[in-house]
Protein backbone atom coordinates (compact mmCIF):
# COMPACT_ATOMS: atom_id res chain seq x y z
CA UNK A 1 0.00 0.00 0.00
CA UNK A 2 1.33 3.43 -0.94
CA UNK A 3 2.24 5.79 1.88
CA UNK A 4 0.91 9.33 2.24
CA UNK A 5 4.35 10.65 1.24
CA UNK A 6 4.38 8.52 -1.90
CA UNK A 7 0.91 9.75 -2.89
CA UNK A 8 1.30 13.43 -1.93
CA UNK A 9 5.05 13.86 -2.48
CA UNK A 10 5.66 15.11 1.04
CA UNK A 11 5.38 13.81 4.60
CA UNK A 12 2.70 15.04 6.98
CA UNK A 13 4.05 18.30 8.40
CA UNK A 14 3.58 19.88 11.81
CA UNK A 15 2.23 23.43 11.97
CA UNK A 16 1.16 25.64 14.86
CA UNK A 17 -2.14 26.58 13.19
CA UNK A 18 -2.91 26.51 9.47
CA UNK A 19 -0.12 25.33 7.20
CA UNK A 20 0.99 28.21 5.00
CA UNK A 21 1.12 27.23 1.34
CA UNK A 22 -0.84 23.96 1.76
CA UNK A 23 -2.11 22.72 -1.60
CA UNK A 24 -5.50 21.19 -2.24
CA UNK A 25 -5.71 17.79 -0.57
CA UNK A 26 -2.66 18.31 1.63
CA UNK A 27 -2.79 17.07 5.24
CA UNK A 28 -0.93 18.51 8.24
CA UNK A 29 -0.88 18.14 12.03
CA UNK A 30 -1.93 21.25 13.94
CA UNK A 31 0.23 21.27 17.05
CA UNK A 32 -1.87 24.06 18.59
CA UNK A 33 -5.08 22.07 18.89
CA UNK A 34 -3.91 18.47 18.42
CA UNK A 35 -5.98 17.87 15.28
CA UNK A 36 -5.13 16.78 11.76
CA UNK A 37 -6.28 19.28 9.15
CA UNK A 38 -6.36 19.37 5.36
CA UNK A 39 -6.95 21.77 2.49
CA UNK A 40 -10.32 20.85 0.99
CA UNK A 41 -9.94 23.21 -1.96
CA UNK A 42 -11.30 26.67 -2.77
CA UNK A 43 -14.19 28.02 -0.71
CA UNK A 44 -17.43 27.71 -2.66
CA UNK A 45 -21.09 28.16 -1.78
CA UNK A 46 -23.18 25.01 -2.16
CA UNK A 47 -26.32 23.34 -0.82
CA UNK A 48 -25.86 20.69 1.89
CA UNK A 49 -28.67 18.39 3.01
CA UNK A 50 -29.50 18.70 6.70
CA UNK A 51 -32.13 17.50 9.19
CA UNK A 52 -35.57 17.26 7.51
CA UNK A 53 -38.62 19.08 8.82
CA UNK A 54 -41.07 17.00 10.84
CA UNK A 55 -44.08 17.42 8.53
CA UNK A 56 -43.73 17.24 4.75
CA UNK A 57 -45.67 19.94 2.92
CA UNK A 58 -45.64 22.47 0.12
CA UNK A 59 -47.00 25.98 -0.23
CA UNK A 60 -45.36 26.89 3.09
CA UNK A 61 -43.52 30.08 4.07
CA UNK A 62 -40.26 30.67 5.89
CA UNK A 63 -37.87 33.15 7.49
CA UNK A 64 -34.50 33.11 9.21
CA UNK A 65 -30.96 31.89 8.67
CA UNK A 66 -29.44 28.46 8.10
CA UNK A 67 -26.85 28.85 10.82
CA UNK A 68 -28.73 28.99 14.11
CA UNK A 69 -32.33 29.96 13.51
CA UNK A 70 -35.16 29.64 11.01
CA UNK A 71 -38.93 29.28 10.95
CA UNK A 72 -41.31 27.54 8.53
CA UNK A 73 -45.09 27.72 8.74
CA UNK A 74 -48.31 26.88 6.94
CA UNK A 75 -48.66 24.91 3.72
CA UNK A 76 -50.69 21.86 2.83
CA UNK A 77 -50.28 18.25 3.83
CA UNK A 78 -51.67 15.06 2.27
CA UNK A 79 -54.25 13.18 4.33
CA UNK A 80 -54.84 9.47 3.52
CA UNK A 81 -57.87 8.96 1.26
CA UNK A 82 -58.63 12.69 1.26
CA UNK A 83 -57.50 15.81 -0.64
CA UNK A 84 -54.59 17.74 0.86
CA UNK A 85 -55.46 19.86 3.89
CA UNK A 86 -54.40 23.38 4.74
CA UNK A 87 -52.21 23.34 7.84
CA UNK A 88 -50.98 25.91 10.34
CA UNK A 89 -48.02 23.92 11.63
CA UNK A 90 -44.99 26.00 12.60
CA UNK A 91 -41.50 24.56 13.06
CA UNK A 92 -38.44 26.32 14.44
CA UNK A 93 -34.79 25.53 13.60
CA UNK A 94 -31.97 25.83 16.15
CA UNK A 95 -29.09 24.99 13.83
CA UNK A 96 -29.38 21.22 14.15
CA UNK A 97 -33.04 20.18 14.55
CA UNK A 98 -36.60 21.27 13.73
CA UNK A 99 -39.13 21.51 16.58
CA UNK A 100 -42.89 21.97 16.29
CA UNK A 101 -44.15 25.08 18.08
CA UNK A 102 -47.44 27.03 18.13
CA UNK A 103 -49.63 26.87 15.01
CA UNK A 104 -50.77 29.77 12.88
CA UNK A 105 -54.16 31.13 13.95
CA UNK A 106 -55.46 30.44 10.44
CA UNK A 107 -54.23 27.30 8.66
CA UNK A 108 -53.30 28.19 5.06
CA UNK A 109 -51.00 27.76 2.09
CA UNK A 110 -49.43 30.03 -0.57
CA UNK A 111 -48.89 32.96 1.81
CA UNK A 112 -45.91 35.30 1.97
CA UNK A 113 -43.57 36.16 4.82
CA UNK A 114 -41.09 38.67 6.23
CA UNK A 115 -38.41 38.29 8.90
CA UNK A 116 -34.81 37.30 9.51
CA UNK A 117 -34.99 34.98 12.52
CA UNK A 118 -37.18 32.48 14.37
CA UNK A 119 -38.05 34.99 17.10
CA UNK A 120 -39.94 37.57 15.01
CA UNK A 121 -41.79 37.05 11.72
CA UNK A 122 -44.81 38.09 9.69
CA UNK A 123 -47.12 35.98 7.51
CA UNK A 124 -49.64 37.57 5.16
CA UNK A 125 -52.06 36.47 2.49
CA UNK A 126 -52.55 32.87 1.44
CA UNK A 127 -55.35 30.46 0.72
CA UNK A 128 -57.57 28.45 3.06
CA UNK A 129 -61.11 27.12 2.97
CA UNK A 130 -62.51 30.67 3.23
CA UNK A 131 -61.40 33.09 0.47
CA UNK A 132 -62.25 36.06 2.72
CA UNK A 133 -59.29 35.11 4.92
CA UNK A 134 -56.74 35.60 2.14
CA UNK A 135 -56.03 39.09 3.51
CA UNK A 136 -55.12 37.98 7.02
CA UNK A 137 -51.77 38.96 8.53
CA UNK A 138 -50.22 37.28 11.56
CA UNK A 139 -47.24 38.29 13.68
CA UNK A 140 -44.88 35.83 15.43
CA UNK A 141 -43.20 36.89 18.70
CA UNK A 142 -41.03 33.82 19.20
CA UNK A 143 -43.72 31.72 20.87
CA UNK A 144 -47.18 32.51 19.45
CA UNK A 145 -48.94 33.96 16.41
CA UNK A 146 -51.23 36.99 16.77
CA UNK A 147 -53.63 38.32 14.14
CA UNK A 148 -52.88 41.90 13.16
CA UNK A 149 -54.15 44.27 10.44
CA UNK A 150 -55.27 42.68 7.16
CA UNK A 151 -53.91 43.35 3.71
CA UNK A 152 -56.03 45.78 1.71
CA UNK A 153 -56.23 43.26 -1.16
CA UNK A 154 -56.83 39.59 -0.33
CA UNK A 155 -54.58 37.28 -2.37
CA UNK A 156 -52.39 34.18 -2.54
CA UNK A 157 -49.21 33.18 -4.41
CA UNK A 158 -47.80 36.64 -3.78
CA UNK A 159 -44.23 37.76 -3.18
CA UNK A 160 -43.21 38.95 0.26
CA UNK A 161 -40.06 40.39 1.78
CA UNK A 162 -38.69 42.62 4.50
CA UNK A 163 -38.82 42.68 8.29
CA UNK A 164 -41.71 42.16 10.75
CA UNK A 165 -41.95 45.95 11.15
CA UNK A 166 -41.14 46.92 7.55
CA UNK A 167 -42.42 44.57 4.82
CA UNK A 168 -43.72 44.45 1.26
CA UNK A 169 -46.51 42.35 -0.30
CA UNK A 170 -46.22 42.14 -4.09
CA UNK A 171 -48.49 40.75 -6.81
CA UNK A 172 -50.49 37.55 -6.36
CA UNK A 173 -54.01 36.50 -7.24
CA UNK A 174 -57.26 36.07 -5.39
CA UNK A 175 -60.95 37.08 -5.14
CA UNK A 176 -60.24 40.76 -5.79
CA UNK A 177 -57.50 40.14 -8.37
CA UNK A 178 -58.82 37.28 -10.50
CA UNK A 179 -56.11 35.78 -12.66
CA UNK A 180 -53.25 38.01 -11.58
CA UNK A 181 -52.40 41.21 -9.76
CA UNK A 182 -49.78 43.95 -9.67
CA UNK A 183 -50.83 45.43 -6.33
CA UNK A 184 -48.06 46.26 -3.87
CA UNK A 185 -48.56 47.07 -0.22
CA UNK A 186 -46.14 48.39 2.38
CA UNK A 187 -46.26 47.38 6.08
CA UNK A 188 -45.11 49.82 8.78
CA UNK A 189 -45.46 47.50 11.77
CA UNK A 190 -49.18 48.11 12.30
CA UNK A 191 -50.98 48.68 8.98
CA UNK A 192 -50.71 48.01 5.24
CA UNK A 193 -50.69 50.89 2.76
CA UNK A 194 -51.16 50.57 -0.99
CA UNK A 195 -48.15 51.87 -2.93
CA UNK A 196 -47.08 51.80 -6.58
CA UNK A 197 -47.81 48.60 -8.49
CA UNK A 198 -45.46 46.15 -10.13
CA UNK A 199 -44.87 46.96 -13.80
CA UNK A 200 -45.90 43.40 -14.74
CA UNK A 201 -48.91 41.87 -13.01
CA UNK A 202 -48.19 38.29 -11.93
CA UNK A 203 -48.35 35.57 -9.32
CA UNK A 204 -46.01 32.72 -8.46
CA UNK A 205 -43.21 35.23 -7.85
CA UNK A 206 -40.64 35.55 -5.07
CA UNK A 207 -39.04 38.50 -3.32
CA UNK A 208 -35.84 39.56 -1.59
CA UNK A 209 -35.07 42.52 0.64
CA UNK A 210 -34.49 43.45 4.26
CA UNK A 211 -37.15 46.18 4.58
CA UNK A 212 -39.80 48.06 2.61
CA UNK A 213 -37.40 50.63 1.15
CA UNK A 214 -35.43 48.34 -1.18
CA UNK A 215 -36.49 44.99 -2.65
CA UNK A 216 -36.56 42.67 -5.64
CA UNK A 217 -39.56 40.90 -7.20
CA UNK A 218 -38.61 38.07 -9.56
CA UNK A 219 -40.03 35.07 -11.45
CA UNK A 220 -43.66 34.37 -12.31
CA UNK A 221 -46.11 31.65 -13.17
CA UNK A 222 -45.19 31.30 -16.85
CA UNK A 223 -48.83 31.30 -17.96
CA UNK A 224 -49.30 34.95 -16.92
CA UNK A 225 -45.89 36.59 -17.39
CA UNK A 226 -42.34 35.67 -18.42
CA UNK A 227 -40.77 33.47 -15.77
CA UNK A 228 -37.47 35.38 -15.99
CA UNK A 229 -38.85 38.81 -15.17
CA UNK A 230 -37.15 40.83 -12.41
CA UNK A 231 -38.08 44.21 -10.91
CA UNK A 232 -36.31 46.39 -8.37
CA UNK A 233 -38.12 48.51 -5.74
CA UNK A 234 -36.49 51.75 -4.53
CA UNK A 235 -39.01 52.63 -1.83
CA UNK A 236 -41.29 54.47 -4.26
CA UNK A 237 -41.63 52.51 -7.49
CA UNK A 238 -40.54 49.40 -9.38
CA UNK A 239 -38.10 49.39 -12.31
CA UNK A 240 -37.41 46.47 -14.61
CA UNK A 241 -33.83 45.25 -14.26
CA UNK A 242 -31.85 42.29 -15.63
CA UNK A 243 -33.76 39.04 -16.00
CA UNK A 244 -33.11 35.67 -14.39
CA UNK A 245 -31.15 33.26 -16.58
CA UNK A 246 -33.70 30.45 -16.15
CA UNK A 247 -37.46 30.98 -16.31
CA UNK A 248 -39.25 29.62 -13.28
CA UNK A 249 -42.45 29.72 -11.24
CA UNK A 250 -42.93 29.52 -7.46
CA UNK A 251 -39.23 29.65 -6.52
CA UNK A 252 -37.84 30.56 -3.13
CA UNK A 253 -36.44 34.04 -2.68
CA UNK A 254 -34.13 35.34 0.02
CA UNK A 255 -31.38 37.85 0.72
CA UNK A 256 -31.30 41.60 0.11
CA UNK A 257 -32.05 43.91 -2.80
CA UNK A 258 -28.36 43.88 -3.77
CA UNK A 259 -27.42 40.31 -2.77
CA UNK A 260 -30.24 37.83 -3.34
CA UNK A 261 -30.91 34.19 -4.16
CA UNK A 262 -33.59 32.70 -6.42
CA UNK A 263 -33.96 29.05 -5.42
CA UNK A 264 -35.62 26.14 -7.24
CA UNK A 265 -38.88 26.02 -9.17
CA UNK A 266 -42.11 24.02 -9.15
CA UNK A 267 -42.19 21.12 -10.08
CA UNK A 268 -38.69 20.01 -11.02
CA UNK A 269 -36.35 22.99 -10.75
CA UNK A 270 -33.12 22.74 -8.77
CA UNK A 271 -31.39 25.78 -10.27
CA UNK A 272 -30.10 28.48 -7.92
CA UNK A 273 -29.15 31.95 -9.08
CA UNK A 274 -27.32 34.69 -7.17
CA UNK A 275 -27.98 38.45 -7.65
CA UNK A 276 -25.11 40.92 -7.14
CA UNK A 277 -27.12 44.10 -7.53
CA UNK A 278 -26.76 44.17 -11.31
CA UNK A 279 -27.22 40.69 -12.76
CA UNK A 280 -28.01 37.06 -11.95
CA UNK A 281 -25.39 34.29 -12.06
CA UNK A 282 -26.09 30.57 -12.03
CA UNK A 283 -24.58 28.88 -8.99
CA UNK A 284 -24.79 25.39 -7.44
CA UNK A 285 -28.10 23.52 -7.68
CA UNK A 286 -30.29 22.21 -4.89
CA UNK A 287 -29.84 18.55 -4.01
CA UNK A 288 -33.64 18.10 -4.10
CA UNK A 289 -35.43 19.91 -6.94
CA UNK A 290 -38.56 21.76 -5.75
CA UNK A 291 -40.50 24.98 -5.48
CA UNK A 292 -43.29 26.24 -3.20
CA UNK A 293 -40.88 25.84 -0.26
CA UNK A 294 -40.05 27.85 2.84
CA UNK A 295 -36.84 29.87 2.55
CA UNK A 296 -34.86 32.39 4.60
CA UNK A 297 -31.46 33.91 5.25
CA UNK A 298 -28.89 36.06 3.44
CA UNK A 299 -27.40 34.98 0.12
CA UNK A 300 -24.33 33.48 1.83
CA UNK A 301 -26.19 31.57 4.55
CA UNK A 302 -29.68 30.55 3.47
CA UNK A 303 -32.06 27.68 4.20
CA UNK A 304 -34.83 25.93 2.28
CA UNK A 305 -37.32 23.44 3.71
CA UNK A 306 -40.30 21.49 2.40
CA UNK A 307 -41.70 22.12 -1.06
CA UNK A 308 -43.14 20.35 -4.10
CA UNK A 309 -44.32 16.80 -3.54
CA UNK A 310 -44.93 17.37 0.19
CA UNK A 311 -41.19 17.25 0.72
CA UNK A 312 -39.55 17.11 4.15
CA UNK A 313 -36.14 17.94 2.68
CA UNK A 314 -34.12 20.71 4.32
CA UNK A 315 -30.93 22.20 2.88
CA UNK A 316 -28.43 24.84 3.98
CA UNK A 317 -26.58 27.17 1.62
CA UNK A 318 -23.11 27.64 3.02
CA UNK A 319 -19.40 27.58 2.23
CA UNK A 320 -17.55 24.31 1.64
CA UNK A 321 -13.87 23.76 1.02
CA UNK A 322 -11.12 25.63 2.82
CA UNK A 323 -9.44 24.13 5.89
CA UNK A 324 -11.20 21.04 7.21
CA UNK A 325 -10.47 19.32 10.52
CA UNK A 326 -10.20 15.63 11.39
CA UNK A 327 -10.81 15.64 15.14
CA UNK A 328 -8.54 13.22 16.99
CA UNK A 329 -9.34 14.16 20.58
């Protein structure tokens, strides 16, 4: 059997910390912490499969980060011998496991969300057994949901983004917007206000942004508008900007107005694209192709859970490569 030196061309070296000049695949012994370490290659962002959610579903919403916190809620779930049911189940992520917590007040699917953690979030719009409830908004305080002021226009399959005190609701369809809508509403922490519409009316879109002053609205159900369409919000109006590379409907959206991700597509899309403030670039695909999922996080540390086919799959978007450790203690 060949030795490490014969394979690599050098013996395992000692280093007090990282080994300067280590090439890809090279192993060394870190005398500072007593571990073997190796160079796993250039740092790249990629999806890694992690602990699945407890209840498989699609049409759910999500907020948070992949690292230590996230929240998914709502959706629909198959019931044996019956059509799928709307559900209000909420699950919280602590960085390693999903735990069921308090349900939404109104069970529903196809709603939108705002928030950056599992301690504060907003859900608005959606579809349940009563169309008049498609305007409902609920606020999450870390332990329970509370109904707050309704949207002015009831709808589902809309785009949402922002924070629990500063959000946007974009597009969608519903009783008051049959077929498709361009309506945009801004949330100030207590009420929704109608603001300037999208340039292209649509549903099945996604959004990205950290508040209601700057956001993106991208993708569309291809039957009503081009699935590559992308618009930027400056706090007053929308402007058409560079399109997605791949047309898609019902993707996940997360990140900010200048650094966003468009994730997956219903039914079979695994493509992920990254926005740098000017254009979209194709990056690494999901391990499980899907849309209509719950997503959250910035564009360097995102999470996706659930989705098409009543999936339980959960994936984290994070860096791989760089210095890896083989723990020996």
